[in-house]
Amino acid sequence: MSDPTTDETVQRLMDQYAEIARLAGGLAHEIKNPLSTIRLNMQLLAEDVLPEDVEDEALLSPQQKRVAKRIAAVQRECTRLQDLLEDFLNYAKVRRVDLTPRDLNIEIAEALDFFEPECERAGVEIVPYLDPDLPTVRLDREAFRGALVNLLLNAVQAMPDGGQIVVQTRALGDRAAVYLTDTGLGMDDATASKMFEAFFSTKPGGSGLGLPTTMKIIEAHGGAISVQSELGRGTRFAIELPAVARLPKASSGSGKEPPMDADERR
């Protein structure tokens, strides 16, 4: 039986997002059509003014080089706008989550397995400490995995020279907590306080919508997300989700005990 308080919270959030979603749909229609027209016309223009199958730029005249550079700049900006539009629509749409009782440890373990190759390429080690006594939570598997992978990707990008991500779960009374702690570059307090603001980004060319979208997904689950960070030491994201009646236990933990309390790591 679902928690009435959680259901009311989810419905309230969905109602708040409904108007934004409606406006976003209209915005998408107004932007996509002219943007597609611009991209097509730039492609046709390139075909008209530049020689076909010329890979060596040295074979182009000075005027052709200038034209090619300007066409490429417009095409690049069109691509950036298209990506930004898609990120915005993903952020603005109503989160119609399908909440089903699930073992959070299993969902996290599967997401970590999925993300492991990305970590190996970046020289990042994932260390899981999954609490075997974690209560059951209600999840939309696809949406929650998307949020978790986005946090993992942010952690990897904060460690350009490699490092470690500690993923810990813990029971907190009537809630289940997930902590993701990296050994990356970290942030100052002013930057960390803006991480969930739409369009705020510390990455060149970033849309600034990844973490706000992640926050919306967690809130649609009736949960909350927060961040703590310190320059030169790393960042920790904390997620708390409401617990429900327990599912039969399955082997999902790593079998390890955390070296210290999650709150003591910061």
Protein backbone atom coordinates (compact mmCIF):
# COMPACT_ATOMS: atom_id res chain seq x y z
CA MET A 1 0.00 0.00 0.00
CA SER A 2 1.42 3.36 -1.04
CA ASP A 3 2.18 6.20 1.34
CA PRO A 4 -0.57 8.88 0.98
CA THR A 5 1.84 11.63 1.97
CA THR A 6 4.31 10.59 -0.72
CA ASP A 7 1.54 10.34 -3.32
CA GLU A 8 0.33 13.85 -2.47
CA THR A 9 3.87 15.23 -2.76
CA VAL A 10 4.42 13.58 -6.13
CA GLN A 11 1.08 14.86 -7.44
CA ARG A 12 1.82 18.39 -6.23
CA LEU A 13 5.17 18.40 -8.00
CA MET A 14 3.63 17.04 -11.20
CA ASP A 15 0.99 19.78 -11.13
CA GLN A 16 3.70 22.41 -10.74
CA TYR A 17 5.60 21.06 -13.71
CA ALA A 18 2.51 20.72 -15.94
CA GLU A 19 2.41 24.37 -16.96
CA ILE A 20 6.14 24.40 -17.68
CA ALA A 21 5.73 21.30 -19.82
CA ARG A 22 2.95 22.94 -21.82
CA LEU A 23 5.07 26.01 -22.48
CA ALA A 24 8.06 23.86 -23.36
CA GLY A 25 6.06 22.01 -25.99
CA GLY A 26 5.11 25.28 -27.64
CA LEU A 27 8.69 26.49 -27.43
CA ALA A 28 9.95 23.32 -29.05
CA HIS A 29 7.58 23.75 -31.99
CA GLU A 30 8.59 27.37 -32.50
CA ILE A 31 12.33 26.67 -32.37
CA LYS A 32 12.71 23.29 -34.07
CA ASN A 33 11.23 24.26 -37.42
CA PRO A 34 13.34 27.37 -38.13
CA LEU A 35 16.41 25.69 -36.67
CA SER A 36 16.01 22.75 -39.04
CA THR A 37 15.55 25.18 -41.94
CA ILE A 38 18.74 27.03 -41.02
CA ARG A 39 20.74 23.81 -40.82
CA LEU A 40 19.43 22.59 -44.17
CA ASN A 41 20.13 25.90 -45.91
CA MET A 42 23.67 26.02 -44.52
CA GLN A 43 24.28 22.54 -45.90
CA LEU A 44 22.93 23.58 -49.31
CA LEU A 45 25.01 26.75 -49.22
CA ALA A 46 28.15 24.75 -48.52
CA GLU A 47 27.37 22.52 -51.51
CA ASP A 48 26.87 25.56 -53.75
CA VAL A 49 29.99 27.55 -52.88
CA LEU A 50 32.54 24.88 -51.94
CA PRO A 51 34.08 22.22 -54.20
CA GLU A 52 32.85 18.68 -53.71
CA ASP A 53 35.07 16.08 -52.03
CA VAL A 54 37.84 18.52 -51.11
CA GLU A 55 39.41 17.23 -47.90
CA ASP A 56 42.64 19.22 -48.12
CA GLU A 57 41.93 22.78 -46.98
CA ALA A 58 45.11 23.92 -48.77
CA LEU A 59 43.32 23.39 -52.09
CA LEU A 60 40.71 26.03 -51.22
CA SER A 61 41.07 29.66 -52.17
CA PRO A 62 41.31 32.28 -49.39
CA GLN A 63 37.70 33.26 -50.04
CA GLN A 64 36.52 29.65 -49.93
CA LYS A 65 38.37 29.15 -46.66
CA ARG A 66 36.55 32.13 -45.12
CA VAL A 67 33.21 30.86 -46.39
CA ALA A 68 33.88 27.34 -45.09
CA LYS A 69 34.87 28.71 -41.68
CA ARG A 70 31.69 30.80 -41.37
CA ILE A 71 29.43 27.97 -42.54
CA ALA A 72 31.06 25.61 -40.03
CA ALA A 73 30.53 28.17 -37.25
CA VAL A 74 26.82 28.48 -38.02
CA GLN A 75 26.40 24.71 -38.26
CA ARG A 76 28.20 24.29 -34.94
CA GLU A 77 25.92 26.80 -33.22
CA CYS A 78 22.85 25.12 -34.71
CA THR A 79 24.00 21.82 -33.24
CA ARG A 80 24.58 23.48 -29.86
CA LEU A 81 21.10 25.02 -29.91
CA GLN A 82 19.57 21.67 -30.85
CA ASP A 83 21.32 19.98 -27.93
CA LEU A 84 20.26 22.75 -25.56
CA LEU A 85 16.66 22.47 -26.74
CA GLU A 86 16.61 18.73 -26.13
CA ASP A 87 18.12 19.18 -22.66
CA PHE A 88 15.54 21.83 -21.83
CA LEU A 89 12.63 19.68 -22.98
CA ASN A 90 13.94 16.80 -20.88
CA TYR A 91 14.18 19.13 -17.89
CA ALA A 92 10.78 20.73 -18.35
CA LYS A 93 8.61 17.72 -19.13
CA VAL A 94 6.33 16.30 -16.47
CA ARG A 95 7.88 13.38 -14.62
CA ARG A 96 5.24 10.70 -15.01
CA VAL A 97 7.19 8.22 -12.95
CA ASP A 98 5.98 4.65 -12.57
CA LEU A 99 6.84 3.97 -8.93
CA THR A 100 7.27 0.29 -8.07
CA PRO A 101 8.70 -1.23 -4.86
CA ARG A 102 12.28 -2.22 -5.64
CA ASP A 103 15.52 -3.23 -3.96
CA LEU A 104 17.62 -0.06 -4.17
CA ASN A 105 20.88 -1.97 -3.76
CA ILE A 106 20.13 -4.13 -6.79
CA GLU A 107 19.23 -1.11 -8.92
CA ILE A 108 22.44 0.66 -7.90
CA ALA A 109 24.59 -2.43 -8.48
CA GLU A 110 23.18 -2.81 -12.00
CA ALA A 111 23.76 0.88 -12.76
CA LEU A 112 27.36 0.62 -11.56
CA ASP A 113 27.95 -2.43 -13.76
CA PHE A 114 26.56 -0.48 -16.70
CA PHE A 115 28.79 2.52 -15.97
CA GLU A 116 31.97 0.53 -15.20
CA PRO A 117 33.45 0.74 -18.74
CA GLU A 118 33.21 4.55 -18.64
CA CYS A 119 35.10 4.57 -15.34
CA GLU A 120 37.78 2.23 -16.66
CA ARG A 121 38.42 4.54 -19.62
CA ALA A 122 38.76 7.51 -17.25
CA GLY A 123 40.99 5.69 -14.74
CA VAL A 124 38.30 5.94 -12.04
CA GLU A 125 37.67 3.21 -9.46
CA ILE A 126 34.14 2.60 -8.14
CA VAL A 127 33.97 1.36 -4.55
CA PRO A 128 30.47 0.22 -3.41
CA TYR A 129 29.38 -0.13 0.21
CA LEU A 130 25.76 -1.31 0.00
CA ASP A 131 23.89 -1.72 3.27
CA PRO A 132 22.29 -5.22 3.35
CA ASP A 133 19.59 -3.91 5.72
CA LEU A 134 18.46 -1.17 3.37
CA PRO A 135 14.66 -0.76 3.27
CA THR A 136 12.69 -1.13 0.06
CA VAL A 137 11.91 2.06 -1.89
CA ARG A 138 9.51 2.90 -4.70
CA LEU A 139 11.41 3.58 -7.93
CA ASP A 140 10.89 4.28 -11.58
CA ARG A 141 13.81 2.14 -12.73
CA GLU A 142 14.58 4.00 -15.96
CA ALA A 143 14.25 7.49 -14.51
CA PHE A 144 16.26 6.72 -11.38
CA ARG A 145 19.02 5.04 -13.34
CA GLY A 146 19.23 8.10 -15.58
CA ALA A 147 19.63 10.33 -12.51
CA LEU A 148 22.26 8.06 -10.96
CA VAL A 149 24.29 7.76 -14.17
CA ASN A 150 24.23 11.53 -14.56
CA LEU A 151 25.72 11.92 -11.06
CA LEU A 152 28.38 9.31 -11.85
CA LEU A 153 29.23 11.07 -15.10
CA ASN A 154 29.60 14.39 -13.28
CA ALA A 155 31.93 12.71 -10.80
CA VAL A 156 34.09 11.23 -13.56
CA GLN A 157 34.32 14.59 -15.31
CA ALA A 158 35.49 16.14 -12.04
CA MET A 159 38.47 13.73 -11.99
CA PRO A 160 40.38 14.38 -15.23
CA ASP A 161 43.41 12.53 -13.86
CA GLY A 162 41.43 9.60 -12.47
CA GLY A 163 40.35 8.92 -8.92
CA GLN A 164 37.74 7.09 -6.89
CA ILE A 165 33.98 7.15 -6.46
CA VAL A 166 32.58 5.68 -3.26
CA VAL A 167 28.93 4.67 -3.56
CA GLN A 168 27.27 3.94 -0.22
CA THR A 169 23.70 3.12 0.79
CA ARG A 170 22.35 3.37 4.31
CA ALA A 171 19.06 2.97 6.17
CA LEU A 172 17.88 6.17 7.86
CA GLY A 173 14.74 5.23 9.76
CA ASP A 174 11.86 5.55 7.32
CA ARG A 175 14.19 6.61 4.50
CA ALA A 176 16.97 5.09 2.43
CA ALA A 177 20.06 7.15 1.65
CA VAL A 178 22.54 6.98 -1.22
CA TYR A 179 25.89 8.77 -1.02
CA LEU A 180 28.20 9.30 -4.00
CA THR A 181 31.59 10.66 -2.95
CA ASP A 182 34.35 11.43 -5.45
CA THR A 183 37.98 12.47 -5.04
CA GLY A 184 37.76 15.10 -7.75
CA LEU A 185 38.50 18.78 -8.05
CA GLY A 186 35.69 19.85 -5.74
CA MET A 187 33.90 23.21 -5.64
CA ASP A 188 33.76 26.23 -3.40
CA ASP A 189 30.60 26.91 -1.39
CA ALA A 190 29.31 29.55 -3.81
CA THR A 191 29.52 27.15 -6.76
CA ALA A 192 28.06 24.20 -4.86
CA SER A 193 25.06 26.30 -3.79
CA LYS A 194 24.13 26.84 -7.46
CA MET A 195 24.59 23.30 -8.76
CA PHE A 196 20.84 22.61 -8.98
CA GLU A 197 19.96 25.95 -10.60
CA ALA A 198 18.79 25.68 -14.20
CA PHE A 199 21.35 26.84 -16.80
CA PHE A 200 24.18 27.16 -14.26
CA SER A 201 27.22 25.24 -15.46
CA THR A 202 30.93 25.15 -14.74
CA LYS A 203 31.62 23.26 -17.99
CA PRO A 204 32.38 25.14 -21.23
CA GLY A 205 29.42 24.61 -23.54
CA GLY A 206 27.37 22.83 -20.86
CA SER A 207 23.62 23.37 -20.80
CA GLY A 208 23.46 23.56 -17.01
CA LEU A 209 20.39 21.31 -17.00
CA GLY A 210 21.84 17.91 -16.07
CA LEU A 211 21.79 18.30 -12.29
CA PRO A 212 18.49 20.25 -12.19
CA THR A 213 16.94 17.41 -14.20
CA THR A 214 18.41 14.89 -11.76
CA MET A 215 16.91 16.84 -8.87
CA LYS A 216 13.49 16.79 -10.53
CA ILE A 217 13.67 13.02 -10.95
CA ILE A 218 14.54 12.53 -7.27
CA GLU A 219 11.78 14.90 -6.17
CA ALA A 220 9.28 13.03 -8.35
CA HIS A 221 10.16 9.97 -6.25
CA GLY A 222 9.26 11.92 -3.11
CA GLY A 223 12.95 12.20 -2.26
CA ALA A 224 15.58 14.90 -1.86
CA ILE A 225 19.14 15.48 -3.09
CA SER A 226 21.91 17.66 -1.68
CA VAL A 227 25.58 18.33 -2.35
CA GLN A 228 28.66 19.01 -0.24
CA SER A 229 32.03 19.85 -1.74
CA GLU A 230 35.48 21.14 -0.91
CA LEU A 231 38.06 22.46 -3.35
CA GLY A 232 40.85 19.96 -3.88
CA ARG A 233 39.16 17.19 -1.87
CA GLY A 234 36.09 16.17 -3.83
CA THR A 235 32.31 16.23 -3.81
CA ARG A 236 29.55 14.21 -2.18
CA PHE A 237 25.97 13.98 -3.43
CA ALA A 238 23.39 12.63 -0.97
CA ILE A 239 20.01 11.22 -2.03
CA GLU A 240 17.25 10.31 0.41
CA LEU A 241 14.19 8.32 -0.65
CA PRO A 242 11.11 7.33 1.36
CA ALA A 243 11.02 3.68 2.37
CA VAL A 244 8.10 1.27 1.99
CA ALA A 245 7.39 -2.28 3.14
CA ARG A 246 10.42 -4.49 2.63
CA LEU A 247 10.84 -6.89 -0.27
CA PRO A 248 12.23 -10.38 0.30
CA LYS A 249 16.00 -10.07 0.67
CA ALA A 250 18.28 -10.81 -2.26
CA SER A 251 22.05 -10.80 -2.44
CA SER A 252 22.77 -7.28 -3.66
CA GLY A 253 25.45 -5.78 -1.45
CA SER A 254 29.15 -5.73 -2.01
CA GLY A 255 29.86 -7.57 1.23
CA LYS A 256 32.14 -4.74 2.35
CA GLU A 257 31.84 -2.54 5.36
CA PRO A 258 32.39 1.19 4.88
CA PRO A 259 35.69 2.45 6.27
CA MET A 260 33.86 5.22 8.09
CA ASP A 261 30.51 6.84 8.43
CA ALA A 262 29.39 8.65 5.25
CA ASP A 263 28.98 11.90 7.16
CA GLU A 264 32.51 11.55 8.51
CA ARG A 265 34.02 11.44 5.03
CA ARG A 266 33.52 15.15 4.51
